[in-house]
Amino acid sequence: LAAGLFVSTRARATDDDGAYGRYDDDLDLRVGAGAAFMQEGPALSAFASALLLSSAGVYVNYNETFDDGRRVPRSISTGLVIEPLFLARTAFNLQIGSGRLDLLIDSFAIGLGAYWTIPRLPTNPRNEPGIEFSLGFSVPFLPRASGPMLGVRGALRASPTALAGTERFGLMEQGAYLSLTLGWRELVTVHLVDARDRAIR
């Protein structure tokens, strides 16, 4: 993968000056699954996200440890995610010319949302949400936006008790994790950007 990023895959005019098809379709859909690594050990991780113009949107992430003895046996998080470099880079025509490397740079993501821990038994139905902050990026396998990718994401969490000051705040103890996922990215046209545009006859 590292070698492939630096292979000279020059951008052509049909690539929308480094957009690699992202200006042709306005909705960026992604799904994937893999492993998450936290203080108490590994866990299954899965995610889905939808971004407008590959820049801002929503995400959902799910972690499952398969171990009842864990402090957080399973959790789900959702929130907002932004990838600010794509529009900024293409606006100033700063593409490198390698499709994989340009897409890797553009994939830098910042997420902020809420998470809920899910007990295996319904013993605590009133589960208050905590806060999740994440940073991540994805490595494309192909020099175009749509296709398979390897995602890397790190998340920090703060539980409701830690936010209220009744529990000691420790980054690792709060459920911080690093996830590696294999995913698929697909660009589709839903006309969210040009919904009110009318064809000129």
C-alpha atoms as a PDB file:
ATOM      1  CA  LEU A   1       0.000   0.000   0.000  1.00  0.00           C
ATOM      2  CA  ALA A   2       2.787   2.427   0.925  1.00  0.00           C
ATOM      3  CA  ALA A   3       4.568   1.780  -2.358  1.00  0.00           C
ATOM      4  CA  GLY A   4       1.363   2.143  -4.320  1.00  0.00           C
ATOM      5  CA  LEU A   5       0.709   5.606  -2.918  1.00  0.00           C
ATOM      6  CA  PHE A   6       3.819   6.976  -4.585  1.00  0.00           C
ATOM      7  CA  VAL A   7       3.375   5.311  -7.950  1.00  0.00           C
ATOM      8  CA  SER A   8       3.071   8.042 -10.551  1.00  0.00           C
ATOM      9  CA  THR A   9      -0.627   7.982 -11.380  1.00  0.00           C
ATOM     10  CA  ARG A  10      -0.968  11.351 -13.040  1.00  0.00           C
ATOM     11  CA  ALA A  11      -4.317  13.155 -12.917  1.00  0.00           C
ATOM     12  CA  ARG A  12      -5.878  13.957 -16.265  1.00  0.00           C
ATOM     13  CA  ALA A  13      -8.326  16.664 -17.231  1.00  0.00           C
ATOM     14  CA  THR A  14     -11.157  14.129 -17.005  1.00  0.00           C
ATOM     15  CA  ASP A  15     -10.365  13.723 -13.296  1.00  0.00           C
ATOM     16  CA  ASP A  16     -11.856  17.165 -12.594  1.00  0.00           C
ATOM     17  CA  ASP A  17      -8.468  18.605 -11.630  1.00  0.00           C
ATOM     18  CA  GLY A  18      -7.828  16.260  -8.751  1.00  0.00           C
ATOM     19  CA  ALA A  19     -11.436  15.614  -7.707  1.00  0.00           C
ATOM     20  CA  TYR A  20     -11.397  12.040  -9.084  1.00  0.00           C
ATOM     21  CA  GLY A  21     -15.126  12.039  -9.731  1.00  0.00           C
ATOM     22  CA  ARG A  22     -16.224  13.700  -6.495  1.00  0.00           C
ATOM     23  CA  TYR A  23     -17.726  16.726  -8.238  1.00  0.00           C
ATOM     24  CA  ASP A  24     -19.802  14.502 -10.530  1.00  0.00           C
ATOM     25  CA  ASP A  25     -21.689  12.842  -7.650  1.00  0.00           C
ATOM     26  CA  ASP A  26     -22.770  14.758  -4.574  1.00  0.00           C
ATOM     27  CA  LEU A  27     -23.251  12.035  -1.926  1.00  0.00           C
ATOM     28  CA  ASP A  28     -20.327   9.990  -0.592  1.00  0.00           C
ATOM     29  CA  LEU A  29     -21.431   6.700   1.037  1.00  0.00           C
ATOM     30  CA  ARG A  30     -19.049   4.448   2.997  1.00  0.00           C
ATOM     31  CA  VAL A  31     -19.364   1.190   4.922  1.00  0.00           C
ATOM     32  CA  GLY A  32     -16.773  -1.063   6.483  1.00  0.00           C
ATOM     33  CA  ALA A  33     -15.795  -3.462   9.239  1.00  0.00           C
ATOM     34  CA  GLY A  34     -12.652  -4.539  11.021  1.00  0.00           C
ATOM     35  CA  ALA A  35     -11.025  -4.545  14.446  1.00  0.00           C
ATOM     36  CA  ALA A  36     -10.804  -1.994  17.254  1.00  0.00           C
ATOM     37  CA  PHE A  37      -8.001  -2.041  19.821  1.00  0.00           C
ATOM     38  CA  MET A  38      -8.558  -0.639  23.297  1.00  0.00           C
ATOM     39  CA  GLN A  39      -7.097  -0.980  26.773  1.00  0.00           C
ATOM     40  CA  GLU A  40      -9.045  -4.146  27.574  1.00  0.00           C
ATOM     41  CA  GLY A  41      -8.251  -5.870  24.282  1.00  0.00           C
ATOM     42  CA  PRO A  42      -9.515  -6.145  20.697  1.00  0.00           C
ATOM     43  CA  ALA A  43     -13.106  -5.818  19.530  1.00  0.00           C
ATOM     44  CA  LEU A  44     -15.158  -5.991  16.366  1.00  0.00           C
ATOM     45  CA  SER A  45     -15.769  -2.591  14.770  1.00  0.00           C
ATOM     46  CA  ALA A  46     -18.170  -1.565  11.999  1.00  0.00           C
ATOM     47  CA  PHE A  47     -19.081   1.817  10.557  1.00  0.00           C
ATOM     48  CA  ALA A  48     -21.210   3.636   8.018  1.00  0.00           C
ATOM     49  CA  SER A  49     -21.136   7.264   6.918  1.00  0.00           C
ATOM     50  CA  ALA A  50     -22.691   9.650   4.405  1.00  0.00           C
ATOM     51  CA  LEU A  51     -20.960  12.902   3.401  1.00  0.00           C
ATOM     52  CA  LEU A  52     -22.139  15.707   1.164  1.00  0.00           C
ATOM     53  CA  LEU A  53     -19.548  16.514  -1.515  1.00  0.00           C
ATOM     54  CA  SER A  54     -17.089  14.264   0.363  1.00  0.00           C
ATOM     55  CA  SER A  55     -16.717  17.048   2.929  1.00  0.00           C
ATOM     56  CA  ALA A  56     -19.310  16.950   5.738  1.00  0.00           C
ATOM     57  CA  GLY A  57     -21.930  14.527   6.943  1.00  0.00           C
ATOM     58  CA  VAL A  58     -22.902  11.967   9.570  1.00  0.00           C
ATOM     59  CA  TYR A  59     -21.421   8.697  10.812  1.00  0.00           C
ATOM     60  CA  VAL A  60     -22.427   5.643  12.842  1.00  0.00           C
ATOM     61  CA  ASN A  61     -19.896   3.358  14.522  1.00  0.00           C
ATOM     62  CA  TYR A  62     -20.475   0.075  16.387  1.00  0.00           C
ATOM     63  CA  ASN A  63     -18.063  -1.856  18.631  1.00  0.00           C
ATOM     64  CA  GLU A  64     -18.624  -5.364  19.988  1.00  0.00           C
ATOM     65  CA  THR A  65     -16.190  -7.106  22.361  1.00  0.00           C
ATOM     66  CA  PHE A  66     -17.909 -10.499  22.810  1.00  0.00           C
ATOM     67  CA  ASP A  67     -16.761 -10.477  26.449  1.00  0.00           C
ATOM     68  CA  ASP A  68     -19.240  -9.819  29.256  1.00  0.00           C
ATOM     69  CA  GLY A  69     -16.395  -9.009  31.638  1.00  0.00           C
ATOM     70  CA  ARG A  70     -15.391  -5.876  29.752  1.00  0.00           C
ATOM     71  CA  ARG A  71     -16.277  -2.481  31.140  1.00  0.00           C
ATOM     72  CA  VAL A  72     -17.815  -1.569  27.780  1.00  0.00           C
ATOM     73  CA  PRO A  73     -18.946  -4.857  26.156  1.00  0.00           C
ATOM     74  CA  ARG A  74     -20.577  -3.074  23.243  1.00  0.00           C
ATOM     75  CA  SER A  75     -21.222   0.499  22.185  1.00  0.00           C
ATOM     76  CA  ILE A  76     -22.671   2.555  19.385  1.00  0.00           C
ATOM     77  CA  SER A  77     -21.733   6.105  18.477  1.00  0.00           C
ATOM     78  CA  THR A  78     -23.085   8.634  16.024  1.00  0.00           C
ATOM     79  CA  GLY A  79     -22.358  12.239  15.176  1.00  0.00           C
ATOM     80  CA  LEU A  80     -20.974  14.682  12.638  1.00  0.00           C
ATOM     81  CA  VAL A  81     -17.812  14.255  10.589  1.00  0.00           C
ATOM     82  CA  ILE A  82     -15.951  16.708   8.363  1.00  0.00           C
ATOM     83  CA  GLU A  83     -13.163  16.206   5.830  1.00  0.00           C
ATOM     84  CA  PRO A  84     -12.037  19.805   5.275  1.00  0.00           C
ATOM     85  CA  LEU A  85      -9.086  19.295   2.931  1.00  0.00           C
ATOM     86  CA  PHE A  86     -10.841  18.169  -0.271  1.00  0.00           C
ATOM     87  CA  LEU A  87     -12.673  21.378  -1.201  1.00  0.00           C
ATOM     88  CA  ALA A  88      -9.810  23.546   0.082  1.00  0.00           C
ATOM     89  CA  ARG A  89      -7.217  21.647  -1.944  1.00  0.00           C
ATOM     90  CA  THR A  90      -9.168  21.584  -5.207  1.00  0.00           C
ATOM     91  CA  ALA A  91     -10.183  25.247  -4.842  1.00  0.00           C
ATOM     92  CA  PHE A  92      -6.501  26.238  -4.961  1.00  0.00           C
ATOM     93  CA  ASN A  93      -5.552  23.587  -7.539  1.00  0.00           C
ATOM     94  CA  LEU A  94      -3.109  21.906  -5.146  1.00  0.00           C
ATOM     95  CA  GLN A  95      -3.397  18.326  -6.388  1.00  0.00           C
ATOM     96  CA  ILE A  96      -0.187  16.292  -6.386  1.00  0.00           C
ATOM     97  CA  GLY A  97      -1.227  14.205  -9.370  1.00  0.00           C
ATOM     98  CA  SER A  98      -1.143  10.779  -7.743  1.00  0.00           C
ATOM     99  CA  GLY A  99      -4.726   9.651  -7.290  1.00  0.00           C
ATOM    100  CA  ARG A 100      -3.990   7.539  -4.231  1.00  0.00           C
ATOM    101  CA  LEU A 101      -1.959  10.224  -2.505  1.00  0.00           C
ATOM    102  CA  ASP A 102      -4.440  13.015  -3.226  1.00  0.00           C
ATOM    103  CA  LEU A 103      -7.305  10.883  -1.924  1.00  0.00           C
ATOM    104  CA  LEU A 104      -5.297   9.946   1.173  1.00  0.00           C
ATOM    105  CA  ILE A 105      -4.651  13.605   2.007  1.00  0.00           C
ATOM    106  CA  ASP A 106      -8.294  14.535   1.413  1.00  0.00           C
ATOM    107  CA  SER A 107      -9.506  11.735   3.696  1.00  0.00           C
ATOM    108  CA  PHE A 108      -8.273  13.375   6.922  1.00  0.00           C
ATOM    109  CA  ALA A 109     -11.448  13.412   9.032  1.00  0.00           C
ATOM    110  CA  ILE A 110     -12.567  15.043  12.280  1.00  0.00           C
ATOM    111  CA  GLY A 111     -15.584  13.608  14.081  1.00  0.00           C
ATOM    112  CA  LEU A 112     -17.610  14.719  17.075  1.00  0.00           C
ATOM    113  CA  GLY A 113     -20.611  12.899  18.456  1.00  0.00           C
ATOM    114  CA  ALA A 114     -22.193  10.906  21.249  1.00  0.00           C
ATOM    115  CA  TYR A 115     -21.853   7.267  22.229  1.00  0.00           C
ATOM    116  CA  TRP A 116     -23.975   4.836  24.206  1.00  0.00           C
ATOM    117  CA  THR A 117     -22.820   1.677  25.950  1.00  0.00           C
ATOM    118  CA  ILE A 118     -25.179  -1.249  25.428  1.00  0.00           C
ATOM    119  CA  PRO A 119     -25.488  -3.879  28.195  1.00  0.00           C
ATOM    120  CA  ARG A 120     -26.053  -7.460  27.082  1.00  0.00           C
ATOM    121  CA  LEU A 121     -28.942  -7.752  29.527  1.00  0.00           C
ATOM    122  CA  PRO A 122     -31.611  -5.015  29.856  1.00  0.00           C
ATOM    123  CA  THR A 123     -30.511  -4.178  33.393  1.00  0.00           C
ATOM    124  CA  ASN A 124     -29.836  -0.511  32.707  1.00  0.00           C
ATOM    125  CA  PRO A 125     -32.352   0.845  30.191  1.00  0.00           C
ATOM    126  CA  ARG A 126     -31.606   4.450  31.165  1.00  0.00           C
ATOM    127  CA  ASN A 127     -28.164   4.634  29.596  1.00  0.00           C
ATOM    128  CA  GLU A 128     -26.970   8.237  29.290  1.00  0.00           C
ATOM    129  CA  PRO A 129     -24.718   9.169  26.351  1.00  0.00           C
ATOM    130  CA  GLY A 130     -21.085  10.196  26.579  1.00  0.00           C
ATOM    131  CA  ILE A 131     -18.988  12.299  24.199  1.00  0.00           C
ATOM    132  CA  GLU A 132     -16.761  10.921  21.435  1.00  0.00           C
ATOM    133  CA  PHE A 133     -14.066  12.831  19.512  1.00  0.00           C
ATOM    134  CA  SER A 134     -12.239  11.157  16.652  1.00  0.00           C
ATOM    135  CA  LEU A 135      -9.551  11.657  14.016  1.00  0.00           C
ATOM    136  CA  GLY A 136      -9.011   9.393  11.054  1.00  0.00           C
ATOM    137  CA  PHE A 137      -7.970   8.840   7.471  1.00  0.00           C
ATOM    138  CA  SER A 138      -8.389   6.192   4.779  1.00  0.00           C
ATOM    139  CA  VAL A 139      -5.943   4.628   2.341  1.00  0.00           C
ATOM    140  CA  PRO A 140      -7.511   3.985  -1.086  1.00  0.00           C
ATOM    141  CA  PHE A 141      -6.594   0.851  -3.013  1.00  0.00           C
ATOM    142  CA  LEU A 142      -7.397   2.468  -6.373  1.00  0.00           C
ATOM    143  CA  PRO A 143      -6.564   5.919  -7.798  1.00  0.00           C
ATOM    144  CA  ARG A 144     -10.231   6.947  -7.815  1.00  0.00           C
ATOM    145  CA  ALA A 145     -12.761   7.947  -5.181  1.00  0.00           C
ATOM    146  CA  SER A 146     -15.120   4.967  -5.460  1.00  0.00           C
ATOM    147  CA  GLY A 147     -13.688   1.621  -4.431  1.00  0.00           C
ATOM    148  CA  PRO A 148     -12.110  -0.316  -1.540  1.00  0.00           C
ATOM    149  CA  MET A 149     -10.156   1.417   1.206  1.00  0.00           C
ATOM    150  CA  LEU A 150      -8.354   0.779   4.459  1.00  0.00           C
ATOM    151  CA  GLY A 151      -9.588   3.041   7.258  1.00  0.00           C
ATOM    152  CA  VAL A 152      -7.665   4.124  10.347  1.00  0.00           C
ATOM    153  CA  ARG A 153      -9.579   5.887  13.127  1.00  0.00           C
ATOM    154  CA  GLY A 154      -8.692   6.898  16.669  1.00  0.00           C
ATOM    155  CA  ALA A 155     -11.386   7.954  19.142  1.00  0.00           C
ATOM    156  CA  LEU A 156     -11.344   9.479  22.609  1.00  0.00           C
ATOM    157  CA  ARG A 157     -14.369   9.177  24.863  1.00  0.00           C
ATOM    158  CA  ALA A 158     -15.724  10.772  28.030  1.00  0.00           C
ATOM    159  CA  SER A 159     -18.435   8.959  29.986  1.00  0.00           C
ATOM    160  CA  PRO A 160     -21.401  10.750  31.621  1.00  0.00           C
ATOM    161  CA  THR A 161     -19.933  10.162  35.097  1.00  0.00           C
ATOM    162  CA  ALA A 162     -16.580  11.605  34.038  1.00  0.00           C
ATOM    163  CA  LEU A 163     -18.296  14.659  32.564  1.00  0.00           C
ATOM    164  CA  ALA A 164     -20.216  15.136  35.816  1.00  0.00           C
ATOM    165  CA  GLY A 165     -16.982  14.945  37.822  1.00  0.00           C
ATOM    166  CA  THR A 166     -18.005  11.886  39.838  1.00  0.00           C
ATOM    167  CA  GLU A 167     -15.407   9.646  38.163  1.00  0.00           C
ATOM    168  CA  ARG A 168     -11.706  10.110  37.505  1.00  0.00           C
ATOM    169  CA  PHE A 169     -11.052  10.986  33.887  1.00  0.00           C
ATOM    170  CA  GLY A 170      -8.460   8.781  32.200  1.00  0.00           C
ATOM    171  CA  LEU A 171      -8.137   8.668  28.427  1.00  0.00           C
ATOM    172  CA  MET A 172      -7.675   4.922  28.182  1.00  0.00           C
ATOM    173  CA  GLU A 173     -10.091   4.035  30.985  1.00  0.00           C
ATOM    174  CA  GLN A 174     -12.859   6.003  29.300  1.00  0.00           C
ATOM    175  CA  GLY A 175     -12.876   3.638  26.321  1.00  0.00           C
ATOM    176  CA  ALA A 176     -10.433   5.216  23.866  1.00  0.00           C
ATOM    177  CA  TYR A 177      -9.690   2.971  20.903  1.00  0.00           C
ATOM    178  CA  LEU A 178      -7.912   2.685  17.560  1.00  0.00           C
ATOM    179  CA  SER A 179      -9.740   0.919  14.740  1.00  0.00           C
ATOM    180  CA  LEU A 180      -8.539  -0.594  11.458  1.00  0.00           C
ATOM    181  CA  THR A 181     -11.329  -1.320   8.982  1.00  0.00           C
ATOM    182  CA  LEU A 182     -11.661  -2.558   5.435  1.00  0.00           C
ATOM    183  CA  GLY A 183     -14.385  -0.626   3.688  1.00  0.00           C
ATOM    184  CA  TRP A 184     -16.036   0.373   0.448  1.00  0.00           C
ATOM    185  CA  ARG A 185     -16.685   3.904  -0.768  1.00  0.00           C
ATOM    186  CA  GLU A 186     -19.313   4.732  -3.379  1.00  0.00           C
ATOM    187  CA  LEU A 187     -20.243   8.087  -4.874  1.00  0.00           C
ATOM    188  CA  VAL A 188     -23.879   8.513  -5.909  1.00  0.00           C
ATOM    189  CA  THR A 189     -25.952  11.348  -7.350  1.00  0.00           C
ATOM    190  CA  VAL A 190     -28.978  12.447  -5.329  1.00  0.00           C
ATOM    191  CA  HIS A 191     -29.049  16.118  -6.445  1.00  0.00           C
ATOM    192  CA  LEU A 192     -28.830  17.570  -2.942  1.00  0.00           C
ATOM    193  CA  VAL A 193     -26.555  20.361  -4.158  1.00  0.00           C
ATOM    194  CA  ASP A 194     -28.583  21.329  -7.241  1.00  0.00           C
ATOM    195  CA  ALA A 195     -32.052  20.410  -5.970  1.00  0.00           C
ATOM    196  CA  ARG A 196     -33.557  23.780  -6.996  1.00  0.00           C
ATOM    197  CA  ASP A 197     -31.689  24.175 -10.258  1.00  0.00           C
ATOM    198  CA  ARG A 198     -33.783  24.180 -13.421  1.00  0.00           C
ATOM    199  CA  ALA A 199     -32.646  23.193 -16.854  1.00  0.00           C
ATOM    200  CA  ILE A 200     -32.400  26.098 -19.310  1.00  0.00           C
ATOM    201  CA  ARG A 201     -34.456  25.388 -22.403  1.00  0.00           C
END
